[in-house]
Amino acid sequence: FGLNTMAWYRQAPGKERKLVASITIGRI
């Protein structure tokens, strides 16, 4: 976990999963 850029994704009914927000190790 601490070595990777992480993100939140969301998927609405009938739609593709999309990236909502991401954060790097350095918190960018």
PDB file of all heavy atoms in Angstrom:
ATOM      1  N   PHE A   1       0.833  -1.214   0.000  1.00  0.00           N
ATOM      2  CA  PHE A   1       0.000   0.000   0.000  1.00  0.00           C
ATOM      3  C   PHE A   1       0.861   1.256   0.000  1.00  0.00           C
ATOM      4  O   PHE A   1       0.639   2.171  -0.790  1.00  0.00           O
ATOM      5  CB  PHE A   1      -0.918  -0.020   1.228  1.00  0.00           C
ATOM      6  CG  PHE A   1      -1.744   1.229   1.389  1.00  0.00           C
ATOM      7  CD1 PHE A   1      -2.954   1.356   0.734  1.00  0.00           C
ATOM      8  CD2 PHE A   1      -1.311   2.272   2.205  1.00  0.00           C
ATOM      9  CE1 PHE A   1      -3.725   2.506   0.882  1.00  0.00           C
ATOM     10  CE2 PHE A   1      -2.082   3.423   2.356  1.00  0.00           C
ATOM     11  CZ  PHE A   1      -3.287   3.543   1.692  1.00  0.00           C
ATOM     12  N   GLY A   2       1.837   1.292   0.878  1.00  0.00           N
ATOM     13  CA  GLY A   2       2.651   2.493   1.020  1.00  0.00           C
ATOM     14  C   GLY A   2       3.608   2.743  -0.122  1.00  0.00           C
ATOM     15  O   GLY A   2       4.266   3.786  -0.163  1.00  0.00           O
ATOM     16  N   LEU A   3       3.676   1.823  -1.053  1.00  0.00           N
ATOM     17  CA  LEU A   3       4.614   1.937  -2.170  1.00  0.00           C
ATOM     18  C   LEU A   3       3.932   2.347  -3.465  1.00  0.00           C
ATOM     19  O   LEU A   3       4.599   2.458  -4.495  1.00  0.00           O
ATOM     20  CB  LEU A   3       5.323   0.597  -2.389  1.00  0.00           C
ATOM     21  CG  LEU A   3       6.090   0.031  -1.196  1.00  0.00           C
ATOM     22  CD1 LEU A   3       6.659  -1.335  -1.540  1.00  0.00           C
ATOM     23  CD2 LEU A   3       7.194   0.988  -0.764  1.00  0.00           C
ATOM     24  N   ASN A   4       2.631   2.557  -3.412  1.00  0.00           N
ATOM     25  CA  ASN A   4       1.868   2.757  -4.634  1.00  0.00           C
ATOM     26  C   ASN A   4       0.992   3.999  -4.613  1.00  0.00           C
ATOM     27  O   ASN A   4       0.482   4.400  -3.565  1.00  0.00           O
ATOM     28  CB  ASN A   4       0.967   1.550  -4.879  1.00  0.00           C
ATOM     29  CG  ASN A   4       1.745   0.347  -5.352  1.00  0.00           C
ATOM     30  OD1 ASN A   4       2.030   0.194  -6.535  1.00  0.00           O
ATOM     31  ND2 ASN A   4       2.105  -0.519  -4.424  1.00  0.00           N
ATOM     32  N   THR A   5       0.829   4.571  -5.815  1.00  0.00           N
ATOM     33  CA  THR A   5      -0.200   5.588  -5.990  1.00  0.00           C
ATOM     34  C   THR A   5      -1.543   4.894  -5.896  1.00  0.00           C
ATOM     35  O   THR A   5      -1.782   3.886  -6.553  1.00  0.00           O
ATOM     36  CB  THR A   5      -0.054   6.277  -7.348  1.00  0.00           C
ATOM     37  OG1 THR A   5       1.180   7.000  -7.379  1.00  0.00           O
ATOM     38  CG2 THR A   5      -1.200   7.238  -7.606  1.00  0.00           C
ATOM     39  N   MET A   6      -2.412   5.439  -5.070  1.00  0.00           N
ATOM     40  CA  MET A   6      -3.714   4.845  -4.828  1.00  0.00           C
ATOM     41  C   MET A   6      -4.805   5.749  -5.371  1.00  0.00           C
ATOM     42  O   MET A   6      -4.605   6.943  -5.583  1.00  0.00           O
ATOM     43  CB  MET A   6      -3.910   4.615  -3.336  1.00  0.00           C
ATOM     44  CG  MET A   6      -2.954   3.613  -2.728  1.00  0.00           C
ATOM     45  SD  MET A   6      -3.188   1.944  -3.350  1.00  0.00           S
ATOM     46  CE  MET A   6      -4.870   1.598  -2.741  1.00  0.00           C
ATOM     47  N   ALA A   7      -5.976   5.166  -5.560  1.00  0.00           N
ATOM     48  CA  ALA A   7      -7.074   5.945  -6.118  1.00  0.00           C
ATOM     49  C   ALA A   7      -8.413   5.419  -5.639  1.00  0.00           C
ATOM     50  O   ALA A   7      -8.543   4.268  -5.220  1.00  0.00           O
ATOM     51  CB  ALA A   7      -7.034   5.907  -7.638  1.00  0.00           C
ATOM     52  N   TRP A   8      -9.380   6.296  -5.698  1.00  0.00           N
ATOM     53  CA  TRP A   8     -10.780   5.925  -5.542  1.00  0.00           C
ATOM     54  C   TRP A   8     -11.408   5.907  -6.936  1.00  0.00           C
ATOM     55  O   TRP A   8     -11.172   6.808  -7.750  1.00  0.00           O
ATOM     56  CB  TRP A   8     -11.512   6.921  -4.663  1.00  0.00           C
ATOM     57  CG  TRP A   8     -11.218   6.759  -3.211  1.00  0.00           C
ATOM     58  CD1 TRP A   8     -10.313   7.446  -2.452  1.00  0.00           C
ATOM     59  CD2 TRP A   8     -11.841   5.818  -2.322  1.00  0.00           C
ATOM     60  NE1 TRP A   8     -10.326   6.998  -1.167  1.00  0.00           N
ATOM     61  CE2 TRP A   8     -11.258   6.000  -1.059  1.00  0.00           C
ATOM     62  CE3 TRP A   8     -12.835   4.854  -2.475  1.00  0.00           C
ATOM     63  CZ2 TRP A   8     -11.634   5.253   0.059  1.00  0.00           C
ATOM     64  CZ3 TRP A   8     -13.206   4.115  -1.378  1.00  0.00           C
ATOM     65  CH2 TRP A   8     -12.617   4.303  -0.122  1.00  0.00           C
ATOM     66  N   TYR A   9     -12.224   4.889  -7.169  1.00  0.00           N
ATOM     67  CA  TYR A   9     -12.981   4.742  -8.393  1.00  0.00           C
ATOM     68  C   TYR A   9     -14.455   4.645  -8.029  1.00  0.00           C
ATOM     69  O   TYR A   9     -14.794   4.318  -6.894  1.00  0.00           O
ATOM     70  CB  TYR A   9     -12.571   3.464  -9.126  1.00  0.00           C
ATOM     71  CG  TYR A   9     -11.114   3.386  -9.514  1.00  0.00           C
ATOM     72  CD1 TYR A   9     -10.154   3.009  -8.577  1.00  0.00           C
ATOM     73  CD2 TYR A   9     -10.696   3.675 -10.803  1.00  0.00           C
ATOM     74  CE1 TYR A   9      -8.807   2.932  -8.922  1.00  0.00           C
ATOM     75  CE2 TYR A   9      -9.355   3.598 -11.156  1.00  0.00           C
ATOM     76  CZ  TYR A   9      -8.419   3.224 -10.217  1.00  0.00           C
ATOM     77  OH  TYR A   9      -7.089   3.140 -10.565  1.00  0.00           O
ATOM     78  N   ARG A  10     -15.304   4.866  -8.999  1.00  0.00           N
ATOM     79  CA  ARG A  10     -16.726   4.645  -8.762  1.00  0.00           C
ATOM     80  C   ARG A  10     -17.375   4.090 -10.013  1.00  0.00           C
ATOM     81  O   ARG A  10     -16.933   4.359 -11.128  1.00  0.00           O
ATOM     82  CB  ARG A  10     -17.419   5.917  -8.291  1.00  0.00           C
ATOM     83  CG  ARG A  10     -17.537   7.031  -9.325  1.00  0.00           C
ATOM     84  CD  ARG A  10     -18.134   8.268  -8.676  1.00  0.00           C
ATOM     85  NE  ARG A  10     -18.288   9.378  -9.610  1.00  0.00           N
ATOM     86  CZ  ARG A  10     -18.659  10.600  -9.256  1.00  0.00           C
ATOM     87  NH1 ARG A  10     -18.907  10.885  -7.977  1.00  0.00           N
ATOM     88  NH2 ARG A  10     -18.774  11.546 -10.166  1.00  0.00           N
ATOM     89  N   GLN A  11     -18.426   3.328  -9.769  1.00  0.00           N
ATOM     90  CA  GLN A  11     -19.174   2.732 -10.865  1.00  0.00           C
ATOM     91  C   GLN A  11     -20.656   2.921 -10.607  1.00  0.00           C
ATOM     92  O   GLN A  11     -21.195   2.369  -9.636  1.00  0.00           O
ATOM     93  CB  GLN A  11     -18.827   1.248 -11.021  1.00  0.00           C
ATOM     94  CG  GLN A  11     -19.453   0.607 -12.244  1.00  0.00           C
ATOM     95  CD  GLN A  11     -18.889  -0.768 -12.527  1.00  0.00           C
ATOM     96  OE1 GLN A  11     -18.294  -1.414 -11.671  1.00  0.00           O
ATOM     97  NE2 GLN A  11     -19.050  -1.219 -13.764  1.00  0.00           N
ATOM     98  N   ALA A  12     -21.275   3.703 -11.465  1.00  0.00           N
ATOM     99  CA  ALA A  12     -22.718   3.911 -11.379  1.00  0.00           C
ATOM    100  C   ALA A  12     -23.421   2.797 -12.141  1.00  0.00           C
ATOM    101  O   ALA A  12     -22.826   2.164 -13.020  1.00  0.00           O
ATOM    102  CB  ALA A  12     -23.076   5.272 -11.965  1.00  0.00           C
ATOM    103  N   PRO A  13     -24.680   2.544 -11.834  1.00  0.00           N
ATOM    104  CA  PRO A  13     -25.415   1.470 -12.516  1.00  0.00           C
ATOM    105  C   PRO A  13     -25.383   1.641 -14.024  1.00  0.00           C
ATOM    106  O   PRO A  13     -25.680   2.720 -14.550  1.00  0.00           O
ATOM    107  CB  PRO A  13     -26.832   1.623 -11.961  1.00  0.00           C
ATOM    108  CG  PRO A  13     -26.652   2.260 -10.637  1.00  0.00           C
ATOM    109  CD  PRO A  13     -25.495   3.194 -10.791  1.00  0.00           C
ATOM    110  N   GLY A  14     -25.013   0.573 -14.718  1.00  0.00           N
ATOM    111  CA  GLY A  14     -24.994   0.596 -16.165  1.00  0.00           C
ATOM    112  C   GLY A  14     -23.851   1.359 -16.789  1.00  0.00           C
ATOM    113  O   GLY A  14     -23.819   1.545 -18.007  1.00  0.00           O
ATOM    114  N   LYS A  15     -22.905   1.812 -15.974  1.00  0.00           N
ATOM    115  CA  LYS A  15     -21.786   2.604 -16.504  1.00  0.00           C
ATOM    116  C   LYS A  15     -20.454   1.955 -16.154  1.00  0.00           C
ATOM    117  O   LYS A  15     -20.357   1.085 -15.297  1.00  0.00           O
ATOM    118  CB  LYS A  15     -21.849   4.028 -15.951  1.00  0.00           C
ATOM    119  CG  LYS A  15     -23.100   4.782 -16.378  1.00  0.00           C
ATOM    120  CD  LYS A  15     -23.026   6.233 -16.003  1.00  0.00           C
ATOM    121  CE  LYS A  15     -24.245   6.989 -16.509  1.00  0.00           C
ATOM    122  NZ  LYS A  15     -24.177   8.429 -16.149  1.00  0.00           N
ATOM    123  N   GLU A  16     -19.418   2.421 -16.838  1.00  0.00           N
ATOM    124  CA  GLU A  16     -18.082   1.905 -16.575  1.00  0.00           C
ATOM    125  C   GLU A  16     -17.516   2.482 -15.279  1.00  0.00           C
ATOM    126  O   GLU A  16     -17.900   3.567 -14.846  1.00  0.00           O
ATOM    127  CB  GLU A  16     -17.146   2.262 -17.738  1.00  0.00           C
ATOM    128  CG  GLU A  16     -17.490   1.577 -19.044  1.00  0.00           C
ATOM    129  CD  GLU A  16     -16.470   1.877 -20.129  1.00  0.00           C
ATOM    130  OE1 GLU A  16     -15.609   2.754 -19.921  1.00  0.00           O
ATOM    131  OE2 GLU A  16     -16.535   1.238 -21.182  1.00  0.00           O
ATOM    132  N   ARG A  17     -16.601   1.742 -14.709  1.00  0.00           N
ATOM    133  CA  ARG A  17     -15.902   2.220 -13.526  1.00  0.00           C
ATOM    134  C   ARG A  17     -14.972   3.362 -13.939  1.00  0.00           C
ATOM    135  O   ARG A  17     -14.252   3.253 -14.934  1.00  0.00           O
ATOM    136  CB  ARG A  17     -15.101   1.082 -12.905  1.00  0.00           C
ATOM    137  CG  ARG A  17     -14.478   1.388 -11.566  1.00  0.00           C
ATOM    138  CD  ARG A  17     -13.850   0.119 -11.003  1.00  0.00           C
ATOM    139  NE  ARG A  17     -14.850  -0.855 -10.644  1.00  0.00           N
ATOM    140  CZ  ARG A  17     -14.613  -2.164 -10.555  1.00  0.00           C
ATOM    141  NH1 ARG A  17     -13.425  -2.632 -10.834  1.00  0.00           N
ATOM    142  NH2 ARG A  17     -15.574  -2.987 -10.213  1.00  0.00           N
ATOM    143  N   LYS A  18     -14.984   4.447 -13.161  1.00  0.00           N
ATOM    144  CA  LYS A  18     -14.173   5.609 -13.484  1.00  0.00           C
ATOM    145  C   LYS A  18     -13.354   6.058 -12.289  1.00  0.00           C
ATOM    146  O   LYS A  18     -13.778   5.917 -11.143  1.00  0.00           O
ATOM    147  CB  LYS A  18     -15.070   6.762 -13.943  1.00  0.00           C
ATOM    148  CG  LYS A  18     -15.767   6.502 -15.275  1.00  0.00           C
ATOM    149  CD  LYS A  18     -16.537   7.729 -15.714  1.00  0.00           C
ATOM    150  CE  LYS A  18     -17.189   7.505 -17.074  1.00  0.00           C
ATOM    151  NZ  LYS A  18     -17.943   8.703 -17.534  1.00  0.00           N
ATOM    152  N   LEU A  19     -12.204   6.623 -12.591  1.00  0.00           N
ATOM    153  CA  LEU A  19     -11.353   7.136 -11.520  1.00  0.00           C
ATOM    154  C   LEU A  19     -11.928   8.448 -10.993  1.00  0.00           C
ATOM    155  O   LEU A  19     -12.300   9.337 -11.771  1.00  0.00           O
ATOM    156  CB  LEU A  19      -9.934   7.346 -12.039  1.00  0.00           C
ATOM    157  CG  LEU A  19      -8.869   7.687 -11.000  1.00  0.00           C
ATOM    158  CD1 LEU A  19      -7.533   7.064 -11.384  1.00  0.00           C
ATOM    159  CD2 LEU A  19      -8.712   9.185 -10.836  1.00  0.00           C
ATOM    160  N   VAL A  20     -11.990   8.566  -9.691  1.00  0.00           N
ATOM    161  CA  VAL A  20     -12.536   9.758  -9.042  1.00  0.00           C
ATOM    162  C   VAL A  20     -11.415  10.659  -8.535  1.00  0.00           C
ATOM    163  O   VAL A  20     -11.436  11.870  -8.716  1.00  0.00           O
ATOM    164  CB  VAL A  20     -13.447   9.365  -7.867  1.00  0.00           C
ATOM    165  CG1 VAL A  20     -13.910  10.590  -7.095  1.00  0.00           C
ATOM    166  CG2 VAL A  20     -14.645   8.560  -8.370  1.00  0.00           C
ATOM    167  N   ALA A  21     -10.438  10.035  -7.880  1.00  0.00           N
ATOM    168  CA  ALA A  21      -9.335  10.800  -7.305  1.00  0.00           C
ATOM    169  C   ALA A  21      -8.165   9.866  -7.065  1.00  0.00           C
ATOM    170  O   ALA A  21      -8.364   8.688  -6.785  1.00  0.00           O
ATOM    171  CB  ALA A  21      -9.757  11.466  -5.997  1.00  0.00           C
ATOM    172  N   SER A  22      -6.967  10.406  -7.168  1.00  0.00           N
ATOM    173  CA  SER A  22      -5.773   9.608  -6.903  1.00  0.00           C
ATOM    174  C   SER A  22      -4.820  10.383  -6.012  1.00  0.00           C
ATOM    175  O   SER A  22      -4.872  11.615  -5.941  1.00  0.00           O
ATOM    176  CB  SER A  22      -5.078   9.217  -8.205  1.00  0.00           C
ATOM    177  OG  SER A  22      -4.588  10.358  -8.874  1.00  0.00           O
ATOM    178  N   ILE A  23      -3.938   9.628  -5.350  1.00  0.00           N
ATOM    179  CA  ILE A  23      -2.964  10.241  -4.451  1.00  0.00           C
ATOM    180  C   ILE A  23      -1.661   9.458  -4.536  1.00  0.00           C
ATOM    181  O   ILE A  23      -1.650   8.229  -4.424  1.00  0.00           O
ATOM    182  CB  ILE A  23      -3.518  10.300  -3.007  1.00  0.00           C
ATOM    183  CG1 ILE A  23      -2.533  11.016  -2.078  1.00  0.00           C
ATOM    184  CG2 ILE A  23      -3.901   8.931  -2.477  1.00  0.00           C
ATOM    185  CD1 ILE A  23      -3.145  11.397  -0.737  1.00  0.00           C
ATOM    186  N   THR A  24      -0.573  10.167  -4.733  1.00  0.00           N
ATOM    187  CA  THR A  24       0.725   9.515  -4.824  1.00  0.00           C
ATOM    188  C   THR A  24       1.290   9.239  -3.436  1.00  0.00           C
ATOM    189  O   THR A  24       0.719   9.642  -2.417  1.00  0.00           O
ATOM    190  CB  THR A  24       1.716  10.389  -5.599  1.00  0.00           C
ATOM    191  OG1 THR A  24       2.011  11.566  -4.811  1.00  0.00           O
ATOM    192  CG2 THR A  24       1.168  10.808  -6.951  1.00  0.00           C
ATOM    193  N   ILE A  25       2.422   8.564  -3.418  1.00  0.00           N
ATOM    194  CA  ILE A  25       3.110   8.310  -2.156  1.00  0.00           C
ATOM    195  C   ILE A  25       3.437   9.634  -1.474  1.00  0.00           C
ATOM    196  O   ILE A  25       3.342   9.769  -0.251  1.00  0.00           O
ATOM    197  CB  ILE A  25       4.390   7.503  -2.400  1.00  0.00           C
ATOM    198  CG1 ILE A  25       4.069   6.173  -3.075  1.00  0.00           C
ATOM    199  CG2 ILE A  25       5.135   7.251  -1.093  1.00  0.00           C
ATOM    200  CD1 ILE A  25       5.281   5.449  -3.610  1.00  0.00           C
ATOM    201  N   GLY A  26       3.800  10.615  -2.278  1.00  0.00           N
ATOM    202  CA  GLY A  26       4.128  11.936  -1.751  1.00  0.00           C
ATOM    203  C   GLY A  26       2.921  12.829  -1.555  1.00  0.00           C
ATOM    204  O   GLY A  26       3.054  14.023  -1.303  1.00  0.00           O
ATOM    205  N   ARG A  27       1.714  12.240  -1.668  1.00  0.00           N
ATOM    206  CA  ARG A  27       0.453  12.932  -1.401  1.00  0.00           C
ATOM    207  C   ARG A  27       0.118  14.010  -2.428  1.00  0.00           C
ATOM    208  O   ARG A  27      -0.567  14.990  -2.099  1.00  0.00           O
ATOM    209  CB  ARG A  27       0.407  13.465   0.026  1.00  0.00           C
ATOM    210  CG  ARG A  27       0.378  12.316   1.042  1.00  0.00           C
ATOM    211  CD  ARG A  27       0.416  12.811   2.468  1.00  0.00           C
ATOM    212  NE  ARG A  27       0.231  11.724   3.418  1.00  0.00           N
ATOM    213  CZ  ARG A  27       1.179  10.870   3.772  1.00  0.00           C
ATOM    214  NH1 ARG A  27       2.389  10.979   3.257  1.00  0.00           N
ATOM    215  NH2 ARG A  27       0.920   9.901   4.635  1.00  0.00           N
ATOM    216  N   ILE A  28       0.583  13.829  -3.643  1.00  0.00           N
ATOM    217  CA  ILE A  28       0.107  14.669  -4.742  1.00  0.00           C
ATOM    218  C   ILE A  28      -1.224  14.102  -5.197  1.00  0.00           C
ATOM    219  O   ILE A  28      -1.343  12.898  -5.417  1.00  0.00           O
ATOM    220  CB  ILE A  28       1.113  14.697  -5.899  1.00  0.00           C
ATOM    221  CG1 ILE A  28       2.414  15.348  -5.440  1.00  0.00           C
ATOM    222  CG2 ILE A  28       0.531  15.438  -7.108  1.00  0.00           C
ATOM    223  CD1 ILE A  28       3.536  15.257  -6.443  1.00  0.00           C
TER     224      ILE A  28
END
